[in-house]
Amino acid sequence: KHADATLAAITVEMVEGAEPRARLEVVDDGKGGADLGKGHGLAGLRDRLALVDGELIIDSPDGGPTRLAAEVPCAS
């Protein structure tokens, strides 16, 4: 909505390791600059993921693209 993106890709995968995790990743071709500041929607998403021992990872340099990944622990 705010990124002026024209394309987005979504992947879902299992990340194996000592603690298996489910990972959902969204990448767009927008203008970047996603903000985790308090009061922004992404901060709320980060807080909700933390409740289930999950993590939100954001790479969104000015000029784009934005890469957002959500990881949560899961049984293998």
N, C-alpha and C. Protein backbone atom coordinates (compact mmCIF):
# COMPACT_ATOMS: atom_id res chain seq x y z
N LYS A 1 0.82 -1.19 0.00
CA LYS A 1 0.00 0.00 0.00
C LYS A 1 0.87 1.26 0.00
N HIS A 2 1.86 1.33 0.88
CA HIS A 2 2.68 2.53 0.99
C HIS A 2 3.96 2.46 0.16
N ALA A 3 4.29 1.27 -0.33
CA ALA A 3 5.58 1.07 -0.98
C ALA A 3 5.58 1.41 -2.47
N ASP A 4 4.40 1.62 -3.05
CA ASP A 4 4.29 1.82 -4.50
C ASP A 4 4.88 0.64 -5.26
N ALA A 5 4.75 -0.55 -4.71
CA ALA A 5 5.28 -1.75 -5.36
C ALA A 5 4.36 -2.17 -6.51
N THR A 6 4.97 -2.76 -7.52
CA THR A 6 4.19 -3.30 -8.63
C THR A 6 4.26 -4.82 -8.65
N LEU A 7 5.17 -5.39 -7.88
CA LEU A 7 5.36 -6.83 -7.86
C LEU A 7 5.73 -7.28 -6.46
N ALA A 8 5.25 -8.45 -6.06
CA ALA A 8 5.62 -9.03 -4.78
C ALA A 8 5.71 -10.54 -4.95
N ALA A 9 6.62 -11.14 -4.21
CA ALA A 9 6.77 -12.60 -4.22
C ALA A 9 6.70 -13.09 -2.78
N ILE A 10 6.04 -14.23 -2.59
CA ILE A 10 5.88 -14.82 -1.26
C ILE A 10 6.42 -16.24 -1.30
N THR A 11 7.26 -16.58 -0.33
CA THR A 11 7.74 -17.95 -0.19
C THR A 11 7.47 -18.43 1.23
N VAL A 12 7.22 -19.72 1.34
CA VAL A 12 7.03 -20.36 2.64
C VAL A 12 7.92 -21.59 2.64
N GLU A 13 8.70 -21.76 3.71
CA GLU A 13 9.60 -22.90 3.77
C GLU A 13 9.87 -23.30 5.21
N MET A 14 10.38 -24.51 5.37
CA MET A 14 10.85 -24.98 6.66
C MET A 14 12.35 -24.71 6.73
N VAL A 15 12.82 -24.20 7.87
CA VAL A 15 14.24 -23.97 8.10
C VAL A 15 14.67 -25.02 9.12
N GLU A 16 15.49 -25.96 8.69
CA GLU A 16 15.93 -27.04 9.58
C GLU A 16 17.04 -26.53 10.49
N GLY A 17 17.24 -27.21 11.57
CA GLY A 17 18.29 -26.85 12.52
C GLY A 17 17.95 -27.42 13.88
N ALA A 18 18.66 -26.96 14.89
CA ALA A 18 18.42 -27.43 16.25
C ALA A 18 16.97 -27.16 16.65
N GLU A 19 16.44 -26.04 16.21
CA GLU A 19 15.03 -25.69 16.46
C GLU A 19 14.39 -25.40 15.10
N PRO A 20 13.68 -26.37 14.52
CA PRO A 20 13.05 -26.15 13.21
C PRO A 20 12.10 -24.95 13.26
N ARG A 21 12.08 -24.20 12.17
CA ARG A 21 11.25 -23.00 12.11
C ARG A 21 10.52 -22.96 10.77
N ALA A 22 9.30 -22.44 10.80
CA ALA A 22 8.57 -22.13 9.57
C ALA A 22 8.90 -20.69 9.23
N ARG A 23 9.17 -20.43 7.95
CA ARG A 23 9.56 -19.10 7.51
C ARG A 23 8.68 -18.66 6.35
N LEU A 24 8.08 -17.50 6.49
CA LEU A 24 7.31 -16.87 5.42
C LEU A 24 8.04 -15.60 5.04
N GLU A 25 8.33 -15.44 3.75
CA GLU A 25 9.08 -14.27 3.31
C GLU A 25 8.32 -13.56 2.19
N VAL A 26 8.27 -12.25 2.28
CA VAL A 26 7.64 -11.41 1.26
C VAL A 26 8.69 -10.43 0.76
N VAL A 27 8.85 -10.37 -0.55
CA VAL A 27 9.79 -9.44 -1.17
C VAL A 27 9.01 -8.63 -2.20
N ASP A 28 9.18 -7.31 -2.19
CA ASP A 28 8.52 -6.48 -3.19
C ASP A 28 9.52 -5.57 -3.90
N ASP A 29 9.06 -4.94 -4.96
CA ASP A 29 9.92 -4.04 -5.72
C ASP A 29 9.61 -2.57 -5.43
N GLY A 30 9.10 -2.32 -4.23
CA GLY A 30 8.71 -0.96 -3.86
C GLY A 30 9.88 -0.08 -3.47
N LYS A 31 9.53 1.07 -2.92
CA LYS A 31 10.52 2.11 -2.64
C LYS A 31 11.27 1.94 -1.33
N GLY A 32 10.95 0.91 -0.56
CA GLY A 32 11.68 0.64 0.68
C GLY A 32 11.32 1.59 1.80
N GLY A 33 12.14 1.59 2.84
CA GLY A 33 11.93 2.47 3.97
C GLY A 33 10.92 1.97 4.98
N ALA A 34 10.63 0.66 4.99
CA ALA A 34 9.70 0.11 5.98
C ALA A 34 10.21 0.42 7.38
N ASP A 35 9.30 0.77 8.30
CA ASP A 35 9.67 1.25 9.62
C ASP A 35 9.10 0.36 10.71
N LEU A 36 9.95 -0.05 11.65
CA LEU A 36 9.51 -0.85 12.80
C LEU A 36 9.20 0.02 14.01
N GLY A 37 9.10 1.32 13.81
CA GLY A 37 8.85 2.23 14.93
C GLY A 37 7.51 1.97 15.60
N LYS A 38 7.45 2.34 16.88
CA LYS A 38 6.22 2.18 17.66
C LYS A 38 5.06 2.89 16.97
N GLY A 39 3.93 2.21 16.91
CA GLY A 39 2.75 2.80 16.29
C GLY A 39 2.59 2.43 14.82
N HIS A 40 3.60 1.76 14.26
CA HIS A 40 3.50 1.31 12.88
C HIS A 40 3.02 -0.14 12.87
N GLY A 41 2.36 -0.53 11.81
CA GLY A 41 1.81 -1.88 11.71
C GLY A 41 2.85 -2.97 11.85
N LEU A 42 4.07 -2.74 11.35
CA LEU A 42 5.09 -3.77 11.44
C LEU A 42 5.54 -4.00 12.87
N ALA A 43 5.51 -2.97 13.69
CA ALA A 43 5.87 -3.14 15.11
C ALA A 43 4.86 -4.05 15.79
N GLY A 44 3.59 -3.90 15.46
CA GLY A 44 2.56 -4.77 16.02
C GLY A 44 2.74 -6.21 15.57
N LEU A 45 3.11 -6.41 14.31
CA LEU A 45 3.37 -7.75 13.81
C LEU A 45 4.56 -8.37 14.54
N ARG A 46 5.62 -7.59 14.73
CA ARG A 46 6.80 -8.07 15.47
C ARG A 46 6.41 -8.49 16.89
N ASP A 47 5.58 -7.68 17.55
CA ASP A 47 5.15 -7.99 18.91
C ASP A 47 4.31 -9.27 18.96
N ARG A 48 3.43 -9.47 17.99
CA ARG A 48 2.60 -10.68 17.97
C ARG A 48 3.45 -11.92 17.70
N LEU A 49 4.43 -11.82 16.83
CA LEU A 49 5.31 -12.95 16.58
C LEU A 49 6.12 -13.30 17.83
N ALA A 50 6.54 -12.30 18.57
CA ALA A 50 7.32 -12.53 19.79
C ALA A 50 6.52 -13.33 20.82
N LEU A 51 5.21 -13.20 20.80
CA LEU A 51 4.36 -13.94 21.75
C LEU A 51 4.44 -15.44 21.54
N VAL A 52 4.80 -15.88 20.33
CA VAL A 52 4.92 -17.31 20.04
C VAL A 52 6.38 -17.67 19.77
N ASP A 53 7.30 -16.91 20.35
CA ASP A 53 8.74 -17.11 20.18
C ASP A 53 9.18 -16.98 18.72
N GLY A 54 8.46 -16.16 17.97
CA GLY A 54 8.81 -15.91 16.58
C GLY A 54 9.64 -14.66 16.43
N GLU A 55 9.98 -14.37 15.18
CA GLU A 55 10.86 -13.24 14.89
C GLU A 55 10.44 -12.60 13.57
N LEU A 56 10.53 -11.29 13.52
CA LEU A 56 10.29 -10.55 12.28
C LEU A 56 11.62 -9.95 11.83
N ILE A 57 11.98 -10.23 10.60
CA ILE A 57 13.25 -9.75 10.05
C ILE A 57 12.92 -8.86 8.86
N ILE A 58 13.43 -7.63 8.88
CA ILE A 58 13.13 -6.68 7.81
C ILE A 58 14.43 -6.12 7.23
N ASP A 59 14.49 -6.11 5.91
CA ASP A 59 15.56 -5.45 5.17
C ASP A 59 14.86 -4.55 4.16
N SER A 60 14.90 -3.25 4.39
CA SER A 60 14.14 -2.31 3.57
C SER A 60 14.88 -0.99 3.39
N PRO A 61 15.98 -1.03 2.63
CA PRO A 61 16.73 0.21 2.44
C PRO A 61 15.93 1.22 1.63
N ASP A 62 16.20 2.50 1.84
CA ASP A 62 15.55 3.53 1.02
C ASP A 62 15.84 3.24 -0.44
N GLY A 63 14.82 3.29 -1.27
CA GLY A 63 14.96 2.96 -2.68
C GLY A 63 14.58 1.53 -2.98
N GLY A 64 14.45 0.72 -1.93
CA GLY A 64 13.98 -0.65 -2.07
C GLY A 64 15.05 -1.61 -2.52
N PRO A 65 14.70 -2.85 -2.68
CA PRO A 65 13.40 -3.44 -2.39
C PRO A 65 13.24 -3.71 -0.89
N THR A 66 12.06 -4.16 -0.51
CA THR A 66 11.80 -4.55 0.86
C THR A 66 11.72 -6.07 0.93
N ARG A 67 12.40 -6.62 1.93
CA ARG A 67 12.35 -8.06 2.20
C ARG A 67 11.92 -8.20 3.65
N LEU A 68 10.80 -8.89 3.88
CA LEU A 68 10.25 -9.09 5.19
C LEU A 68 10.10 -10.59 5.42
N ALA A 69 10.62 -11.09 6.52
CA ALA A 69 10.50 -12.52 6.83
C ALA A 69 9.96 -12.69 8.24
N ALA A 70 9.02 -13.61 8.38
CA ALA A 70 8.48 -13.98 9.68
C ALA A 70 8.86 -15.44 9.92
N GLU A 71 9.47 -15.70 11.07
CA GLU A 71 9.85 -17.05 11.44
C GLU A 71 9.22 -17.42 12.77
N VAL A 72 8.72 -18.65 12.83
CA VAL A 72 8.14 -19.17 14.08
C VAL A 72 8.63 -20.60 14.29
N PRO A 73 8.88 -20.97 15.55
CA PRO A 73 9.29 -22.35 15.82
C PRO A 73 8.15 -23.30 15.52
N CYS A 74 8.50 -24.51 15.10
CA CYS A 74 7.47 -25.52 14.85
C CYS A 74 8.06 -26.90 15.03
N ALA A 75 7.20 -27.87 15.23
CA ALA A 75 7.65 -29.25 15.36
C ALA A 75 8.02 -29.77 13.99
N SER A 76 9.05 -30.60 13.94
CA SER A 76 9.46 -31.16 12.65
C SER A 76 8.71 -32.42 12.33
